[in-house]
């Protein structure tokens, strides 16, 4: 079994955000240049951490410009 780091539920809020930021920084490089296994692991870990973040922050601030209505207003 491949280990992907500490269980997301066990991370502190600060560590969770730090891990997410790092994964998002390395996504393009992993996508374009990583092996199939590396990409699969990266995707699974990102999904795990994002799901945990959303579980902890169901009422997170959403930028209105990131919604469909906001995108229409920009056009």
PDB file of N, CA and C in Angstrom:
ATOM      1  N   UNK A   1       0.833  -1.180   0.000  1.00  0.00           N
ATOM      2  CA  UNK A   1       0.000   0.000   0.000  1.00  0.00           C
ATOM      3  C   UNK A   1       0.879   1.246   0.000  1.00  0.00           C
ATOM      4  N   UNK A   2       0.568   2.195  -0.863  1.00  0.00           N
ATOM      5  CA  UNK A   2       1.320   3.440  -0.949  1.00  0.00           C
ATOM      6  C   UNK A   2       0.853   4.391   0.130  1.00  0.00           C
ATOM      7  N   UNK A   3       1.796   4.979   0.825  1.00  0.00           N
ATOM      8  CA  UNK A   3       1.431   5.946   1.843  1.00  0.00           C
ATOM      9  C   UNK A   3       1.485   7.337   1.236  1.00  0.00           C
ATOM     10  N   UNK A   4       0.516   8.150   1.552  1.00  0.00           N
ATOM     11  CA  UNK A   4       0.445   9.493   0.971  1.00  0.00           C
ATOM     12  C   UNK A   4       0.639  10.560   2.026  1.00  0.00           C
ATOM     13  N   UNK A   5       1.230  10.236   3.126  1.00  0.00           N
ATOM     14  CA  UNK A   5       1.430  11.224   4.170  1.00  0.00           C
ATOM     15  C   UNK A   5       0.460  11.017   5.308  1.00  0.00           C
ATOM     16  N   UNK A   6       0.473  11.968   6.202  1.00  0.00           N
ATOM     17  CA  UNK A   6      -0.395  11.915   7.374  1.00  0.00           C
ATOM     18  C   UNK A   6      -1.845  12.021   6.930  1.00  0.00           C
ATOM     19  N   UNK A   7      -2.707  11.237   7.571  1.00  0.00           N
ATOM     20  CA  UNK A   7      -4.135  11.295   7.300  1.00  0.00           C
ATOM     21  C   UNK A   7      -4.594  12.748   7.396  1.00  0.00           C
ATOM     22  N   UNK A   8      -5.331  13.206   6.404  1.00  0.00           N
ATOM     23  CA  UNK A   8      -5.758  14.602   6.344  1.00  0.00           C
ATOM     24  C   UNK A   8      -6.507  15.027   7.596  1.00  0.00           C
ATOM     25  N   UNK A   9      -7.306  14.152   8.151  1.00  0.00           N
ATOM     26  CA  UNK A   9      -8.078  14.484   9.355  1.00  0.00           C
ATOM     27  C   UNK A   9      -7.178  14.726  10.561  1.00  0.00           C
ATOM     28  N   UNK A  10      -5.950  14.233  10.530  1.00  0.00           N
ATOM     29  CA  UNK A  10      -5.022  14.384  11.645  1.00  0.00           C
ATOM     30  C   UNK A  10      -4.195  15.664  11.557  1.00  0.00           C
ATOM     31  N   UNK A  11      -4.235  16.349  10.427  1.00  0.00           N
ATOM     32  CA  UNK A  11      -3.442  17.565  10.254  1.00  0.00           C
ATOM     33  C   UNK A  11      -4.089  18.744  10.961  1.00  0.00           C
ATOM     34  N   UNK A  12      -3.266  19.629  11.477  1.00  0.00           N
ATOM     35  CA  UNK A  12      -3.794  20.878  12.026  1.00  0.00           C
ATOM     36  C   UNK A  12      -4.314  21.720  10.857  1.00  0.00           C
ATOM     37  N   UNK A  13      -5.090  22.729  11.152  1.00  0.00           N
ATOM     38  CA  UNK A  13      -5.592  23.601  10.088  1.00  0.00           C
ATOM     39  C   UNK A  13      -4.446  24.230   9.297  1.00  0.00           C
ATOM     40  N   UNK A  14      -3.436  24.707  10.003  1.00  0.00           N
ATOM     41  CA  UNK A  14      -2.292  25.330   9.328  1.00  0.00           C
ATOM     42  C   UNK A  14      -1.555  24.331   8.443  1.00  0.00           C
ATOM     43  N   UNK A  15      -1.349  23.123   8.945  1.00  0.00           N
ATOM     44  CA  UNK A  15      -0.653  22.104   8.158  1.00  0.00           C
ATOM     45  C   UNK A  15      -1.480  21.691   6.938  1.00  0.00           C
ATOM     46  N   UNK A  16      -2.784  21.604   7.110  1.00  0.00           N
ATOM     47  CA  UNK A  16      -3.658  21.252   5.991  1.00  0.00           C
ATOM     48  C   UNK A  16      -3.547  22.289   4.873  1.00  0.00           C
ATOM     49  N   UNK A  17      -3.624  23.551   5.228  1.00  0.00           N
ATOM     50  CA  UNK A  17      -3.511  24.614   4.225  1.00  0.00           C
ATOM     51  C   UNK A  17      -2.127  24.600   3.580  1.00  0.00           C
ATOM     52  N   UNK A  18      -1.080  24.407   4.386  1.00  0.00           N
ATOM     53  CA  UNK A  18       0.289  24.357   3.837  1.00  0.00           C
ATOM     54  C   UNK A  18       0.435  23.217   2.837  1.00  0.00           C
ATOM     55  N   UNK A  19      -0.084  22.037   3.192  1.00  0.00           N
ATOM     56  CA  UNK A  19      -0.018  20.877   2.293  1.00  0.00           C
ATOM     57  C   UNK A  19      -0.787  21.146   1.000  1.00  0.00           C
ATOM     58  N   UNK A  20      -1.974  21.740   1.116  1.00  0.00           N
ATOM     59  CA  UNK A  20      -2.765  22.050  -0.081  1.00  0.00           C
ATOM     60  C   UNK A  20      -2.031  23.035  -0.987  1.00  0.00           C
ATOM     61  N   UNK A  21      -1.476  24.072  -0.395  1.00  0.00           N
ATOM     62  CA  UNK A  21      -0.746  25.063  -1.205  1.00  0.00           C
ATOM     63  C   UNK A  21       0.432  24.406  -1.936  1.00  0.00           C
ATOM     64  N   UNK A  22       1.148  23.532  -1.253  1.00  0.00           N
ATOM     65  CA  UNK A  22       2.286  22.853  -1.871  1.00  0.00           C
ATOM     66  C   UNK A  22       1.832  21.954  -3.015  1.00  0.00           C
ATOM     67  N   UNK A  23       0.760  21.217  -2.811  1.00  0.00           N
ATOM     68  CA  UNK A  23       0.252  20.352  -3.878  1.00  0.00           C
ATOM     69  C   UNK A  23      -0.191  21.161  -5.087  1.00  0.00           C
ATOM     70  N   UNK A  24      -0.836  22.279  -4.837  1.00  0.00           N
ATOM     71  CA  UNK A  24      -1.280  23.103  -5.959  1.00  0.00           C
ATOM     72  C   UNK A  24      -0.090  23.707  -6.702  1.00  0.00           C
ATOM     73  N   UNK A  25       0.980  24.026  -5.991  1.00  0.00           N
ATOM     74  CA  UNK A  25       2.189  24.540  -6.640  1.00  0.00           C
ATOM     75  C   UNK A  25       2.851  23.496  -7.537  1.00  0.00           C
ATOM     76  N   UNK A  26       2.767  22.233  -7.153  1.00  0.00           N
ATOM     77  CA  UNK A  26       3.464  21.183  -7.888  1.00  0.00           C
ATOM     78  C   UNK A  26       2.575  20.452  -8.901  1.00  0.00           C
ATOM     79  N   UNK A  27       1.318  20.856  -9.021  1.00  0.00           N
ATOM     80  CA  UNK A  27       0.388  20.125  -9.892  1.00  0.00           C
ATOM     81  C   UNK A  27       0.836  20.104 -11.350  1.00  0.00           C
ATOM     82  N   UNK A  28       1.158  21.236 -11.918  1.00  0.00           N
ATOM     83  CA  UNK A  28       1.529  21.287 -13.341  1.00  0.00           C
ATOM     84  C   UNK A  28       2.748  20.419 -13.635  1.00  0.00           C
ATOM     85  N   UNK A  29       3.758  20.531 -12.792  1.00  0.00           N
ATOM     86  CA  UNK A  29       4.966  19.744 -13.017  1.00  0.00           C
ATOM     87  C   UNK A  29       4.657  18.251 -12.940  1.00  0.00           C
ATOM     88  N   UNK A  30       3.838  17.862 -11.980  1.00  0.00           N
ATOM     89  CA  UNK A  30       3.468  16.450 -11.855  1.00  0.00           C
ATOM     90  C   UNK A  30       2.650  16.003 -13.051  1.00  0.00           C
ATOM     91  N   UNK A  31       1.725  16.836 -13.481  1.00  0.00           N
ATOM     92  CA  UNK A  31       0.873  16.494 -14.623  1.00  0.00           C
ATOM     93  C   UNK A  31       1.690  16.325 -15.904  1.00  0.00           C
ATOM     94  N   UNK A  32       2.551  17.285 -16.185  1.00  0.00           N
ATOM     95  CA  UNK A  32       3.301  17.250 -17.442  1.00  0.00           C
ATOM     96  C   UNK A  32       4.504  16.321 -17.426  1.00  0.00           C
ATOM     97  N   UNK A  33       5.101  16.103 -16.272  1.00  0.00           N
ATOM     98  CA  UNK A  33       6.369  15.382 -16.252  1.00  0.00           C
ATOM     99  C   UNK A  33       6.436  14.193 -15.306  1.00  0.00           C
ATOM    100  N   UNK A  34       5.407  13.982 -14.493  1.00  0.00           N
ATOM    101  CA  UNK A  34       5.433  12.882 -13.539  1.00  0.00           C
ATOM    102  C   UNK A  34       5.009  11.566 -14.170  1.00  0.00           C
ATOM    103  N   UNK A  35       5.387  10.487 -13.539  1.00  0.00           N
ATOM    104  CA  UNK A  35       4.956   9.167 -13.998  1.00  0.00           C
ATOM    105  C   UNK A  35       3.455   9.015 -13.750  1.00  0.00           C
ATOM    106  N   UNK A  36       2.873   7.984 -14.338  1.00  0.00           N
ATOM    107  CA  UNK A  36       1.457   7.715 -14.102  1.00  0.00           C
ATOM    108  C   UNK A  36       1.190   7.498 -12.621  1.00  0.00           C
ATOM    109  N   UNK A  37       2.077   6.784 -11.939  1.00  0.00           N
ATOM    110  CA  UNK A  37       1.909   6.561 -10.505  1.00  0.00           C
ATOM    111  C   UNK A  37       1.991   7.872  -9.724  1.00  0.00           C
ATOM    112  N   UNK A  38       2.935   8.730 -10.091  1.00  0.00           N
ATOM    113  CA  UNK A  38       3.078  10.012  -9.398  1.00  0.00           C
ATOM    114  C   UNK A  38       1.828  10.864  -9.591  1.00  0.00           C
ATOM    115  N   UNK A  39       1.306  10.885 -10.799  1.00  0.00           N
ATOM    116  CA  UNK A  39       0.103  11.673 -11.069  1.00  0.00           C
ATOM    117  C   UNK A  39      -1.094  11.112 -10.305  1.00  0.00           C
ATOM    118  N   UNK A  40      -1.227   9.817 -10.274  1.00  0.00           N
ATOM    119  CA  UNK A  40      -2.324   9.185  -9.546  1.00  0.00           C
ATOM    120  C   UNK A  40      -2.241   9.484  -8.055  1.00  0.00           C
ATOM    121  N   UNK A  41      -1.055   9.379  -7.497  1.00  0.00           N
ATOM    122  CA  UNK A  41      -0.858   9.662  -6.076  1.00  0.00           C
ATOM    123  C   UNK A  41      -1.127  11.132  -5.784  1.00  0.00           C
ATOM    124  N   UNK A  42      -0.644  12.009  -6.640  1.00  0.00           N
ATOM    125  CA  UNK A  42      -0.836  13.451  -6.471  1.00  0.00           C
ATOM    126  C   UNK A  42      -2.330  13.781  -6.503  1.00  0.00           C
ATOM    127  N   UNK A  43      -3.036  13.203  -7.445  1.00  0.00           N
ATOM    128  CA  UNK A  43      -4.474  13.443  -7.577  1.00  0.00           C
ATOM    129  C   UNK A  43      -5.227  12.947  -6.347  1.00  0.00           C
ATOM    130  N   UNK A  44      -4.895  11.751  -5.897  1.00  0.00           N
ATOM    131  CA  UNK A  44      -5.575  11.180  -4.728  1.00  0.00           C
ATOM    132  C   UNK A  44      -5.307  12.011  -3.475  1.00  0.00           C
ATOM    133  N   UNK A  45      -4.069  12.432  -3.277  1.00  0.00           N
ATOM    134  CA  UNK A  45      -3.729  13.225  -2.089  1.00  0.00           C
ATOM    135  C   UNK A  45      -4.409  14.588  -2.150  1.00  0.00           C
ATOM    136  N   UNK A  46      -4.417  15.203  -3.314  1.00  0.00           N
ATOM    137  CA  UNK A  46      -5.085  16.489  -3.462  1.00  0.00           C
ATOM    138  C   UNK A  46      -6.569  16.359  -3.141  1.00  0.00           C
ATOM    139  N   UNK A  47      -7.199  15.339  -3.659  1.00  0.00           N
ATOM    140  CA  UNK A  47      -8.624  15.117  -3.394  1.00  0.00           C
ATOM    141  C   UNK A  47      -8.882  14.905  -1.908  1.00  0.00           C
ATOM    142  N   UNK A  48      -8.013  14.120  -1.274  1.00  0.00           N
ATOM    143  CA  UNK A  48      -8.160  13.857   0.165  1.00  0.00           C
ATOM    144  C   UNK A  48      -8.065  15.146   0.968  1.00  0.00           C
ATOM    145  N   UNK A  49      -7.059  15.949   0.679  1.00  0.00           N
ATOM    146  CA  UNK A  49      -6.856  17.188   1.433  1.00  0.00           C
ATOM    147  C   UNK A  49      -7.942  18.217   1.139  1.00  0.00           C
ATOM    148  N   UNK A  50      -8.358  18.319  -0.127  1.00  0.00           N
ATOM    149  CA  UNK A  50      -9.426  19.263  -0.469  1.00  0.00           C
ATOM    150  C   UNK A  50     -10.739  18.872   0.209  1.00  0.00           C
ATOM    151  N   UNK A  51     -11.049  17.589   0.226  1.00  0.00           N
ATOM    152  CA  UNK A  51     -12.277  17.133   0.883  1.00  0.00           C
ATOM    153  C   UNK A  51     -12.238  17.456   2.374  1.00  0.00           C
ATOM    154  N   UNK A  52     -11.094  17.272   3.008  1.00  0.00           N
ATOM    155  CA  UNK A  52     -10.959  17.584   4.428  1.00  0.00           C
ATOM    156  C   UNK A  52     -11.103  19.076   4.667  1.00  0.00           C
ATOM    157  N   UNK A  53     -10.502  19.891   3.798  1.00  0.00           N
ATOM    158  CA  UNK A  53     -10.622  21.341   3.943  1.00  0.00           C
ATOM    159  C   UNK A  53     -12.085  21.768   3.843  1.00  0.00           C
ATOM    160  N   UNK A  54     -12.797  21.232   2.847  1.00  0.00           N
ATOM    161  CA  UNK A  54     -14.212  21.582   2.676  1.00  0.00           C
ATOM    162  C   UNK A  54     -15.049  21.084   3.850  1.00  0.00           C
ATOM    163  N   UNK A  55     -14.708  19.940   4.401  1.00  0.00           N
ATOM    164  CA  UNK A  55     -15.427  19.432   5.566  1.00  0.00           C
ATOM    165  C   UNK A  55     -15.271  20.383   6.748  1.00  0.00           C
ATOM    166  N   UNK A  56     -14.069  20.892   6.921  1.00  0.00           N
ATOM    167  CA  UNK A  56     -13.802  21.801   8.047  1.00  0.00           C
ATOM    168  C   UNK A  56     -14.328  23.208   7.807  1.00  0.00           C
ATOM    169  N   UNK A  57     -14.458  23.587   6.548  1.00  0.00           N
ATOM    170  CA  UNK A  57     -14.811  24.970   6.207  1.00  0.00           C
ATOM    171  C   UNK A  57     -16.007  25.026   5.256  1.00  0.00           C
ATOM    172  N   UNK A  58     -17.145  24.498   5.681  1.00  0.00           N
ATOM    173  CA  UNK A  58     -18.292  24.461   4.764  1.00  0.00           C
ATOM    174  C   UNK A  58     -18.797  25.855   4.390  1.00  0.00           C
ATOM    175  N   UNK A  59     -18.514  26.843   5.224  1.00  0.00           N
ATOM    176  CA  UNK A  59     -18.975  28.207   4.956  1.00  0.00           C
ATOM    177  C   UNK A  59     -17.832  29.117   4.534  1.00  0.00           C
ATOM    178  N   UNK A  60     -16.831  28.521   3.858  1.00  0.00           N
ATOM    179  CA  UNK A  60     -15.675  29.328   3.465  1.00  0.00           C
ATOM    180  C   UNK A  60     -16.123  30.484   2.575  1.00  0.00           C
ATOM    181  N   UNK A  61     -15.342  31.537   2.572  1.00  0.00           N
ATOM    182  CA  UNK A  61     -15.657  32.706   1.756  1.00  0.00           C
ATOM    183  C   UNK A  61     -15.501  32.339   0.280  1.00  0.00           C
ATOM    184  N   UNK A  62     -16.504  32.659  -0.493  1.00  0.00           N
ATOM    185  CA  UNK A  62     -16.469  32.411  -1.930  1.00  0.00           C
ATOM    186  C   UNK A  62     -16.488  33.764  -2.635  1.00  0.00           C
ATOM    187  N   UNK A  63     -15.509  34.001  -3.464  1.00  0.00           N
ATOM    188  CA  UNK A  63     -15.419  35.242  -4.225  1.00  0.00           C
ATOM    189  C   UNK A  63     -16.560  35.280  -5.232  1.00  0.00           C
ATOM    190  N   UNK A  64     -17.435  36.276  -5.171  1.00  0.00           N
ATOM    191  CA  UNK A  64     -18.560  36.349  -6.100  1.00  0.00           C
ATOM    192  C   UNK A  64     -18.131  36.373  -7.572  1.00  0.00           C
ATOM    193  N   UNK A  65     -16.928  36.863  -7.837  1.00  0.00           N
ATOM    194  CA  UNK A  65     -16.445  36.890  -9.224  1.00  0.00           C
ATOM    195  C   UNK A  65     -16.061  35.505  -9.724  1.00  0.00           C
ATOM    196  N   UNK A  66     -15.956  34.538  -8.799  1.00  0.00           N
ATOM    197  CA  UNK A  66     -15.633  33.160  -9.183  1.00  0.00           C
ATOM    198  C   UNK A  66     -16.888  32.335  -9.463  1.00  0.00           C
ATOM    199  N   UNK A  67     -18.042  32.949  -9.314  1.00  0.00           N
ATOM    200  CA  UNK A  67     -19.307  32.280  -9.607  1.00  0.00           C
ATOM    201  C   UNK A  67     -19.718  32.582 -11.045  1.00  0.00           C
ATOM    202  N   UNK A  68     -20.600  31.809 -11.576  1.00  0.00           N
ATOM    203  CA  UNK A  68     -21.055  31.994 -12.959  1.00  0.00           C
ATOM    204  C   UNK A  68     -21.564  33.416 -13.182  1.00  0.00           C
ATOM    205  N   UNK A  69     -22.367  33.920 -12.261  1.00  0.00           N
ATOM    206  CA  UNK A  69     -22.905  35.276 -12.382  1.00  0.00           C
ATOM    207  C   UNK A  69     -21.777  36.307 -12.429  1.00  0.00           C
ATOM    208  N   UNK A  70     -20.787  36.135 -11.590  1.00  0.00           N
ATOM    209  CA  UNK A  70     -19.654  37.063 -11.575  1.00  0.00           C
ATOM    210  C   UNK A  70     -18.866  37.002 -12.870  1.00  0.00           C
ATOM    211  N   UNK A  71     -18.718  35.812 -13.427  1.00  0.00           N
ATOM    212  CA  UNK A  71     -18.002  35.673 -14.701  1.00  0.00           C
ATOM    213  C   UNK A  71     -18.747  36.390 -15.813  1.00  0.00           C
ATOM    214  N   UNK A  72     -20.058  36.321 -15.781  1.00  0.00           N
ATOM    215  CA  UNK A  72     -20.858  37.025 -16.797  1.00  0.00           C
ATOM    216  C   UNK A  72     -20.693  38.537 -16.661  1.00  0.00           C
ATOM    217  N   UNK A  73     -20.575  39.007 -15.444  1.00  0.00           N
ATOM    218  CA  UNK A  73     -20.408  40.447 -15.211  1.00  0.00           C
ATOM    219  C   UNK A  73     -19.066  40.939 -15.735  1.00  0.00           C
ATOM    220  N   UNK A  74     -18.045  40.077 -15.684  1.00  0.00           N
ATOM    221  CA  UNK A  74     -16.704  40.440 -16.178  1.00  0.00           C
ATOM    222  C   UNK A  74     -16.677  40.542 -17.693  1.00  0.00           C
ATOM    223  N   UNK A  75     -17.529  39.773 -18.354  1.00  0.00           N
ATOM    224  CA  UNK A  75     -17.495  39.731 -19.829  1.00  0.00           C
ATOM    225  C   UNK A  75     -18.020  40.978 -20.482  1.00  0.00           C
TER     226      UNK A  75
END
